[in-house]
Amino acid sequence: MFTSVLMIEKSLTSVDVDFVTTLHGDDPVSFVVLLQPRGDQDRLLRAIDDVALGELPEAVREGEEPEGAEARGPAEQALAASLASLRARNHSAVGQVVEDHPLDKLKAVVEETGADEVIVLTAPHFVEEFFHRDWASRARHKVGVPVLKLFAHNE
């Protein structure tokens, strides 16, 4: 069985689930999902990304994004929904909410599970991507398996 570690920052949409579950054709895939709540990331960088995407109302609302302990409940719900969506497509899926050092956790999970690849599925992060500080760029130097970067969809 092929094992993919899937790093996300919000619940998977049906389009995201379709995409990641069809990447390997009919081969069986097991998913290990790591979710870091979006609220744990730098508020200013998120606002700049929103402006760059032309989503000015979203930039204004960045201050309302839950952070820290307040983000845990919604993150657990998003993870549970994502795992249920993957399982509904007959894939094995386990996961956890990652609160600190997501790349350290990613490396440990890749080693523990013998994962074949990492899929980073996030919204665009233009500032971080420009400076190669986004999860995918940093993971490529850390995990020792192929890293695929995909952009998450909105419903």
N, C-alpha and C. Protein backbone atom coordinates (compact mmCIF):
# COMPACT_ATOMS: atom_id res chain seq x y z
N MET A 1 0.84 -1.18 0.00
CA MET A 1 0.00 0.00 0.00
C MET A 1 0.88 1.24 0.00
N PHE A 2 0.47 2.23 -0.77
CA PHE A 2 1.17 3.51 -0.89
C PHE A 2 0.73 4.38 0.28
N THR A 3 1.67 5.03 0.96
CA THR A 3 1.34 5.89 2.10
C THR A 3 1.69 7.34 1.78
N SER A 4 0.69 8.21 1.91
CA SER A 4 0.88 9.65 1.70
C SER A 4 0.62 10.38 3.01
N VAL A 5 1.54 11.26 3.37
CA VAL A 5 1.30 12.17 4.48
C VAL A 5 0.76 13.45 3.88
N LEU A 6 -0.41 13.84 4.34
CA LEU A 6 -1.12 14.99 3.78
C LEU A 6 -1.14 16.10 4.80
N MET A 7 -0.44 17.22 4.51
CA MET A 7 -0.43 18.38 5.39
C MET A 7 -1.48 19.37 4.92
N ILE A 8 -2.39 19.73 5.82
CA ILE A 8 -3.46 20.66 5.48
C ILE A 8 -3.60 21.72 6.57
N GLU A 9 -4.34 22.79 6.25
CA GLU A 9 -4.58 23.84 7.24
C GLU A 9 -6.06 24.11 7.45
N LYS A 10 -6.92 23.40 6.71
CA LYS A 10 -8.36 23.51 6.88
C LYS A 10 -8.99 22.22 6.36
N SER A 11 -10.27 22.08 6.61
CA SER A 11 -10.97 20.88 6.18
C SER A 11 -10.87 20.69 4.66
N LEU A 12 -10.72 19.45 4.24
CA LEU A 12 -10.66 19.15 2.81
C LEU A 12 -12.03 19.39 2.17
N THR A 13 -12.05 20.02 1.02
CA THR A 13 -13.27 20.16 0.25
C THR A 13 -13.47 18.89 -0.56
N SER A 14 -14.64 18.72 -1.15
CA SER A 14 -14.89 17.55 -1.99
C SER A 14 -13.95 17.53 -3.19
N VAL A 15 -13.61 18.71 -3.72
CA VAL A 15 -12.67 18.79 -4.85
C VAL A 15 -11.27 18.34 -4.40
N ASP A 16 -10.85 18.77 -3.21
CA ASP A 16 -9.55 18.35 -2.67
C ASP A 16 -9.50 16.83 -2.50
N VAL A 17 -10.57 16.27 -1.94
CA VAL A 17 -10.62 14.82 -1.72
C VAL A 17 -10.55 14.09 -3.05
N ASP A 18 -11.33 14.55 -4.04
CA ASP A 18 -11.27 13.93 -5.37
C ASP A 18 -9.85 13.96 -5.91
N PHE A 19 -9.21 15.10 -5.76
CA PHE A 19 -7.87 15.27 -6.32
C PHE A 19 -6.85 14.36 -5.68
N VAL A 20 -6.78 14.37 -4.34
CA VAL A 20 -5.73 13.58 -3.68
C VAL A 20 -6.00 12.08 -3.75
N THR A 21 -7.27 11.69 -3.84
CA THR A 21 -7.57 10.26 -3.89
C THR A 21 -7.43 9.67 -5.29
N THR A 22 -7.27 10.51 -6.28
CA THR A 22 -7.11 9.99 -7.65
C THR A 22 -5.68 10.16 -8.18
N LEU A 23 -4.79 10.70 -7.39
CA LEU A 23 -3.42 10.93 -7.84
C LEU A 23 -2.71 9.65 -8.26
N HIS A 24 -3.05 8.55 -7.63
CA HIS A 24 -2.36 7.29 -7.90
C HIS A 24 -3.26 6.27 -8.59
N GLY A 25 -4.24 6.77 -9.32
CA GLY A 25 -5.13 5.88 -10.07
C GLY A 25 -5.90 4.96 -9.13
N ASP A 26 -5.91 3.68 -9.44
CA ASP A 26 -6.65 2.71 -8.65
C ASP A 26 -5.82 2.05 -7.56
N ASP A 27 -4.56 2.47 -7.42
CA ASP A 27 -3.70 1.89 -6.39
C ASP A 27 -4.23 2.27 -5.00
N PRO A 28 -4.18 1.33 -4.06
CA PRO A 28 -4.64 1.65 -2.69
C PRO A 28 -3.67 2.64 -2.02
N VAL A 29 -4.25 3.65 -1.39
CA VAL A 29 -3.45 4.68 -0.72
C VAL A 29 -3.93 4.82 0.72
N SER A 30 -2.98 4.90 1.61
CA SER A 30 -3.25 5.17 3.01
C SER A 30 -2.81 6.60 3.30
N PHE A 31 -3.66 7.36 3.98
CA PHE A 31 -3.35 8.76 4.26
C PHE A 31 -3.10 8.97 5.75
N VAL A 32 -2.06 9.75 6.04
CA VAL A 32 -1.81 10.25 7.39
C VAL A 32 -1.94 11.76 7.26
N VAL A 33 -2.96 12.32 7.90
CA VAL A 33 -3.29 13.74 7.75
C VAL A 33 -2.77 14.52 8.95
N LEU A 34 -2.02 15.56 8.66
CA LEU A 34 -1.55 16.49 9.69
C LEU A 34 -2.19 17.84 9.42
N LEU A 35 -2.92 18.35 10.39
CA LEU A 35 -3.59 19.64 10.22
C LEU A 35 -3.04 20.63 11.21
N GLN A 36 -2.49 21.73 10.69
CA GLN A 36 -2.12 22.83 11.57
C GLN A 36 -3.12 23.95 11.33
N PRO A 37 -3.83 24.36 12.36
CA PRO A 37 -4.84 25.40 12.17
C PRO A 37 -4.25 26.66 11.55
N ARG A 38 -4.98 27.23 10.61
CA ARG A 38 -4.52 28.43 9.92
C ARG A 38 -4.29 29.58 10.88
N GLY A 39 -5.02 29.61 11.96
CA GLY A 39 -4.88 30.69 12.94
C GLY A 39 -3.53 30.71 13.62
N ASP A 40 -2.78 29.62 13.54
CA ASP A 40 -1.47 29.58 14.18
C ASP A 40 -0.37 30.20 13.32
N GLN A 41 -0.73 30.61 12.12
CA GLN A 41 0.26 31.21 11.24
C GLN A 41 0.23 32.73 11.40
N ASP A 42 1.24 33.38 10.89
CA ASP A 42 1.37 34.83 11.04
C ASP A 42 0.22 35.58 10.38
N ARG A 43 -0.48 36.36 11.18
CA ARG A 43 -1.65 37.10 10.73
C ARG A 43 -1.31 38.08 9.59
N LEU A 44 -0.19 38.77 9.71
CA LEU A 44 0.21 39.75 8.69
C LEU A 44 0.45 39.06 7.34
N LEU A 45 1.16 37.92 7.36
CA LEU A 45 1.41 37.21 6.11
C LEU A 45 0.11 36.72 5.47
N ARG A 46 -0.82 36.28 6.29
CA ARG A 46 -2.13 35.84 5.74
C ARG A 46 -2.84 37.02 5.09
N ALA A 47 -2.80 38.19 5.73
CA ALA A 47 -3.46 39.37 5.17
C ALA A 47 -2.81 39.78 3.85
N ILE A 48 -1.49 39.73 3.77
CA ILE A 48 -0.79 40.07 2.51
C ILE A 48 -1.19 39.09 1.41
N ASP A 49 -1.28 37.81 1.75
CA ASP A 49 -1.71 36.81 0.77
C ASP A 49 -3.12 37.12 0.28
N ASP A 50 -4.02 37.48 1.20
CA ASP A 50 -5.39 37.81 0.82
C ASP A 50 -5.42 39.01 -0.13
N VAL A 51 -4.63 40.03 0.16
CA VAL A 51 -4.58 41.21 -0.70
C VAL A 51 -4.03 40.83 -2.08
N ALA A 52 -2.98 40.01 -2.10
CA ALA A 52 -2.38 39.58 -3.37
C ALA A 52 -3.38 38.80 -4.22
N LEU A 53 -4.29 38.08 -3.57
CA LEU A 53 -5.31 37.32 -4.29
C LEU A 53 -6.54 38.16 -4.62
N GLY A 54 -6.53 39.43 -4.21
CA GLY A 54 -7.67 40.30 -4.48
C GLY A 54 -8.84 40.05 -3.55
N GLU A 55 -8.60 39.40 -2.42
CA GLU A 55 -9.65 39.08 -1.47
C GLU A 55 -9.58 40.05 -0.29
N LEU A 56 -9.89 41.31 -0.56
CA LEU A 56 -9.78 42.35 0.47
C LEU A 56 -10.66 42.10 1.69
N PRO A 57 -11.90 41.64 1.51
CA PRO A 57 -12.71 41.37 2.72
C PRO A 57 -12.07 40.30 3.62
N GLU A 58 -11.42 39.31 3.02
CA GLU A 58 -10.74 38.28 3.81
C GLU A 58 -9.57 38.89 4.58
N ALA A 59 -8.85 39.81 3.97
CA ALA A 59 -7.71 40.45 4.65
C ALA A 59 -8.18 41.19 5.89
N VAL A 60 -9.33 41.84 5.80
CA VAL A 60 -9.86 42.58 6.93
C VAL A 60 -10.27 41.64 8.06
N ARG A 61 -10.75 40.45 7.70
CA ARG A 61 -11.23 39.50 8.71
C ARG A 61 -10.13 38.62 9.32
N GLU A 62 -8.89 38.78 8.92
CA GLU A 62 -7.82 37.93 9.45
C GLU A 62 -7.68 38.04 10.96
N GLY A 63 -8.00 39.19 11.52
CA GLY A 63 -7.92 39.36 12.97
C GLY A 63 -8.96 38.54 13.72
N GLU A 64 -9.98 38.07 13.02
CA GLU A 64 -11.04 37.27 13.65
C GLU A 64 -10.71 35.78 13.66
N GLU A 65 -9.65 35.38 12.97
CA GLU A 65 -9.27 33.96 12.89
C GLU A 65 -8.86 33.47 14.27
N PRO A 66 -9.47 32.37 14.77
CA PRO A 66 -9.09 31.88 16.10
C PRO A 66 -7.63 31.44 16.14
N GLU A 67 -6.99 31.68 17.26
CA GLU A 67 -5.59 31.31 17.43
C GLU A 67 -5.43 30.58 18.75
N GLY A 68 -4.32 29.87 18.87
CA GLY A 68 -4.00 29.17 20.11
C GLY A 68 -5.06 28.17 20.50
N ALA A 69 -5.43 28.17 21.78
CA ALA A 69 -6.40 27.20 22.31
C ALA A 69 -7.76 27.33 21.63
N GLU A 70 -8.13 28.55 21.21
CA GLU A 70 -9.41 28.76 20.54
C GLU A 70 -9.48 28.05 19.19
N ALA A 71 -8.34 27.81 18.57
CA ALA A 71 -8.31 27.18 17.26
C ALA A 71 -8.38 25.65 17.35
N ARG A 72 -8.15 25.10 18.53
CA ARG A 72 -8.08 23.63 18.68
C ARG A 72 -9.40 22.94 18.33
N GLY A 73 -10.50 23.42 18.86
CA GLY A 73 -11.82 22.79 18.60
C GLY A 73 -12.17 22.78 17.12
N PRO A 74 -12.13 23.93 16.45
CA PRO A 74 -12.42 23.94 15.01
C PRO A 74 -11.43 23.08 14.21
N ALA A 75 -10.18 23.03 14.65
CA ALA A 75 -9.19 22.22 13.94
C ALA A 75 -9.52 20.74 14.07
N GLU A 76 -9.92 20.31 15.25
CA GLU A 76 -10.28 18.90 15.45
C GLU A 76 -11.50 18.54 14.61
N GLN A 77 -12.46 19.45 14.51
CA GLN A 77 -13.64 19.21 13.67
C GLN A 77 -13.26 19.12 12.20
N ALA A 78 -12.37 20.01 11.75
CA ALA A 78 -11.93 19.99 10.36
C ALA A 78 -11.17 18.70 10.05
N LEU A 79 -10.35 18.26 10.99
CA LEU A 79 -9.61 17.01 10.81
C LEU A 79 -10.56 15.84 10.73
N ALA A 80 -11.52 15.77 11.64
CA ALA A 80 -12.49 14.66 11.64
C ALA A 80 -13.27 14.62 10.33
N ALA A 81 -13.70 15.77 9.84
CA ALA A 81 -14.44 15.82 8.57
C ALA A 81 -13.56 15.37 7.41
N SER A 82 -12.30 15.78 7.42
CA SER A 82 -11.37 15.40 6.35
C SER A 82 -11.12 13.90 6.35
N LEU A 83 -10.90 13.33 7.53
CA LEU A 83 -10.67 11.90 7.64
C LEU A 83 -11.91 11.12 7.18
N ALA A 84 -13.08 11.59 7.57
CA ALA A 84 -14.33 10.93 7.14
C ALA A 84 -14.48 10.97 5.62
N SER A 85 -14.12 12.09 5.02
CA SER A 85 -14.22 12.21 3.55
C SER A 85 -13.27 11.25 2.85
N LEU A 86 -12.06 11.11 3.36
CA LEU A 86 -11.09 10.18 2.76
C LEU A 86 -11.55 8.73 2.94
N ARG A 87 -12.06 8.42 4.12
CA ARG A 87 -12.54 7.06 4.39
C ARG A 87 -13.76 6.72 3.55
N ALA A 88 -14.60 7.73 3.28
CA ALA A 88 -15.78 7.51 2.44
C ALA A 88 -15.40 7.10 1.03
N ARG A 89 -14.18 7.40 0.63
CA ARG A 89 -13.67 6.99 -0.69
C ARG A 89 -12.88 5.68 -0.59
N ASN A 90 -13.06 4.97 0.52
CA ASN A 90 -12.44 3.66 0.74
C ASN A 90 -10.92 3.72 0.89
N HIS A 91 -10.43 4.78 1.50
CA HIS A 91 -9.00 4.90 1.79
C HIS A 91 -8.81 4.86 3.30
N SER A 92 -7.72 4.28 3.71
CA SER A 92 -7.34 4.30 5.11
C SER A 92 -6.87 5.72 5.43
N ALA A 93 -7.33 6.25 6.57
CA ALA A 93 -6.93 7.62 6.92
C ALA A 93 -6.90 7.78 8.44
N VAL A 94 -5.77 8.26 8.93
CA VAL A 94 -5.61 8.63 10.33
C VAL A 94 -5.02 10.04 10.33
N GLY A 95 -5.08 10.70 11.48
CA GLY A 95 -4.52 12.04 11.50
C GLY A 95 -4.46 12.64 12.87
N GLN A 96 -3.90 13.85 12.91
CA GLN A 96 -3.79 14.58 14.16
C GLN A 96 -3.63 16.07 13.89
N VAL A 97 -4.03 16.84 14.88
CA VAL A 97 -3.82 18.28 14.84
C VAL A 97 -2.40 18.55 15.33
N VAL A 98 -1.68 19.36 14.59
CA VAL A 98 -0.30 19.70 14.94
C VAL A 98 -0.28 21.14 15.42
N GLU A 99 0.16 21.33 16.65
CA GLU A 99 0.14 22.68 17.20
C GLU A 99 1.50 23.36 17.14
N ASP A 100 2.58 22.60 17.31
CA ASP A 100 3.91 23.20 17.33
C ASP A 100 4.80 22.52 16.29
N HIS A 101 5.65 23.28 15.67
CA HIS A 101 6.69 22.77 14.78
C HIS A 101 6.16 21.74 13.78
N PRO A 102 5.33 22.16 12.84
CA PRO A 102 4.72 21.19 11.92
C PRO A 102 5.74 20.42 11.07
N LEU A 103 6.86 21.02 10.74
CA LEU A 103 7.83 20.31 9.92
C LEU A 103 8.60 19.26 10.72
N ASP A 104 8.82 19.51 11.99
CA ASP A 104 9.43 18.48 12.84
C ASP A 104 8.49 17.29 12.97
N LYS A 105 7.21 17.58 13.16
CA LYS A 105 6.21 16.52 13.26
C LYS A 105 6.10 15.77 11.94
N LEU A 106 6.14 16.50 10.84
CA LEU A 106 6.07 15.88 9.52
C LEU A 106 7.21 14.89 9.33
N LYS A 107 8.41 15.32 9.65
CA LYS A 107 9.57 14.44 9.50
C LYS A 107 9.42 13.18 10.35
N ALA A 108 8.98 13.34 11.58
CA ALA A 108 8.79 12.20 12.47
C ALA A 108 7.73 11.24 11.93
N VAL A 109 6.64 11.77 11.43
CA VAL A 109 5.56 10.93 10.89
C VAL A 109 6.02 10.19 9.64
N VAL A 110 6.77 10.87 8.77
CA VAL A 110 7.30 10.21 7.57
C VAL A 110 8.18 9.04 7.98
N GLU A 111 9.04 9.25 8.96
CA GLU A 111 9.93 8.18 9.41
C GLU A 111 9.17 7.05 10.10
N GLU A 112 8.21 7.40 10.96
CA GLU A 112 7.44 6.39 11.70
C GLU A 112 6.59 5.52 10.78
N THR A 113 6.01 6.12 9.76
CA THR A 113 5.07 5.39 8.89
C THR A 113 5.73 4.81 7.65
N GLY A 114 6.97 5.22 7.37
CA GLY A 114 7.60 4.78 6.13
C GLY A 114 6.88 5.35 4.92
N ALA A 115 6.39 6.57 5.05
CA ALA A 115 5.60 7.21 3.99
C ALA A 115 6.37 7.27 2.68
N ASP A 116 5.62 7.20 1.59
CA ASP A 116 6.20 7.25 0.25
C ASP A 116 6.27 8.67 -0.30
N GLU A 117 5.42 9.55 0.22
CA GLU A 117 5.39 10.92 -0.28
C GLU A 117 4.73 11.82 0.75
N VAL A 118 4.90 13.12 0.53
CA VAL A 118 4.21 14.14 1.31
C VAL A 118 3.44 15.00 0.32
N ILE A 119 2.18 15.26 0.65
CA ILE A 119 1.37 16.18 -0.14
C ILE A 119 1.05 17.37 0.76
N VAL A 120 1.46 18.56 0.35
CA VAL A 120 1.15 19.78 1.09
C VAL A 120 0.01 20.46 0.35
N LEU A 121 -1.14 20.55 1.01
CA LEU A 121 -2.35 21.10 0.40
C LEU A 121 -2.79 22.31 1.20
N THR A 122 -2.42 23.50 0.72
CA THR A 122 -2.71 24.73 1.46
C THR A 122 -3.20 25.82 0.50
N ALA A 123 -3.68 26.88 1.08
CA ALA A 123 -3.97 28.08 0.30
C ALA A 123 -2.64 28.67 -0.17
N PRO A 124 -2.65 29.47 -1.23
CA PRO A 124 -1.39 30.11 -1.64
C PRO A 124 -0.85 31.01 -0.53
N HIS A 125 0.46 30.97 -0.35
CA HIS A 125 1.14 31.82 0.62
C HIS A 125 2.28 32.51 -0.13
N PHE A 126 1.94 33.58 -0.83
CA PHE A 126 2.87 34.21 -1.76
C PHE A 126 4.17 34.69 -1.12
N VAL A 127 4.08 35.32 0.02
CA VAL A 127 5.30 35.84 0.65
C VAL A 127 6.21 34.69 1.04
N GLU A 128 5.65 33.69 1.71
CA GLU A 128 6.45 32.54 2.13
C GLU A 128 7.00 31.78 0.93
N GLU A 129 6.19 31.62 -0.11
CA GLU A 129 6.64 30.90 -1.30
C GLU A 129 7.77 31.65 -2.00
N PHE A 130 7.65 32.95 -2.07
CA PHE A 130 8.69 33.75 -2.73
C PHE A 130 10.04 33.54 -2.06
N PHE A 131 10.03 33.47 -0.74
CA PHE A 131 11.28 33.29 0.00
C PHE A 131 11.57 31.82 0.31
N HIS A 132 10.79 30.92 -0.27
CA HIS A 132 10.95 29.47 -0.07
C HIS A 132 10.87 29.10 1.41
N ARG A 133 9.95 29.75 2.11
CA ARG A 133 9.75 29.47 3.53
C ARG A 133 8.41 28.77 3.76
N ASP A 134 7.71 28.40 2.69
CA ASP A 134 6.45 27.69 2.83
C ASP A 134 6.72 26.24 3.22
N TRP A 135 5.69 25.53 3.67
CA TRP A 135 5.85 24.16 4.14
C TRP A 135 6.49 23.26 3.10
N ALA A 136 6.02 23.33 1.86
CA ALA A 136 6.53 22.42 0.83
C ALA A 136 8.01 22.65 0.56
N SER A 137 8.41 23.89 0.41
CA SER A 137 9.82 24.19 0.13
C SER A 137 10.71 23.72 1.27
N ARG A 138 10.29 23.97 2.49
CA ARG A 138 11.09 23.57 3.64
C ARG A 138 11.08 22.06 3.83
N ALA A 139 9.95 21.42 3.56
CA ALA A 139 9.85 19.96 3.73
C ALA A 139 10.74 19.23 2.76
N ARG A 140 10.92 19.76 1.56
CA ARG A 140 11.76 19.10 0.55
C ARG A 140 13.18 18.88 1.05
N HIS A 141 13.63 19.73 1.95
CA HIS A 141 14.99 19.63 2.48
C HIS A 141 15.04 18.82 3.77
N LYS A 142 13.88 18.34 4.24
CA LYS A 142 13.85 17.76 5.57
C LYS A 142 13.38 16.31 5.61
N VAL A 143 12.48 15.89 4.71
CA VAL A 143 11.79 14.62 4.91
C VAL A 143 12.36 13.43 4.14
N GLY A 144 13.08 13.64 3.07
CA GLY A 144 13.70 12.53 2.36
C GLY A 144 12.79 11.74 1.45
N VAL A 145 11.57 12.23 1.20
CA VAL A 145 10.66 11.62 0.24
C VAL A 145 10.13 12.72 -0.67
N PRO A 146 9.56 12.36 -1.83
CA PRO A 146 9.02 13.40 -2.70
C PRO A 146 7.94 14.23 -2.00
N VAL A 147 7.94 15.54 -2.29
CA VAL A 147 6.96 16.46 -1.72
C VAL A 147 6.20 17.12 -2.87
N LEU A 148 4.88 16.94 -2.86
CA LEU A 148 4.01 17.52 -3.88
C LEU A 148 3.25 18.67 -3.25
N LYS A 149 3.27 19.82 -3.90
CA LYS A 149 2.56 20.99 -3.38
C LYS A 149 1.32 21.23 -4.23
N LEU A 150 0.16 21.30 -3.58
CA LEU A 150 -1.10 21.55 -4.24
C LEU A 150 -1.82 22.68 -3.55
N PHE A 151 -2.63 23.41 -4.30
CA PHE A 151 -3.42 24.47 -3.70
C PHE A 151 -4.82 23.96 -3.36
N ALA A 152 -5.23 24.24 -2.13
CA ALA A 152 -6.54 23.82 -1.66
C ALA A 152 -7.64 24.61 -2.37
N HIS A 153 -8.81 24.00 -2.44
CA HIS A 153 -9.96 24.62 -3.09
C HIS A 153 -10.95 25.10 -2.04
N ASN A 154 -11.77 26.04 -2.43
CA ASN A 154 -12.88 26.48 -1.61
C ASN A 154 -14.16 25.86 -2.15
N GLU A 155 -15.10 25.56 -1.26
CA GLU A 155 -16.39 25.01 -1.71
C GLU A 155 -17.18 26.09 -2.40
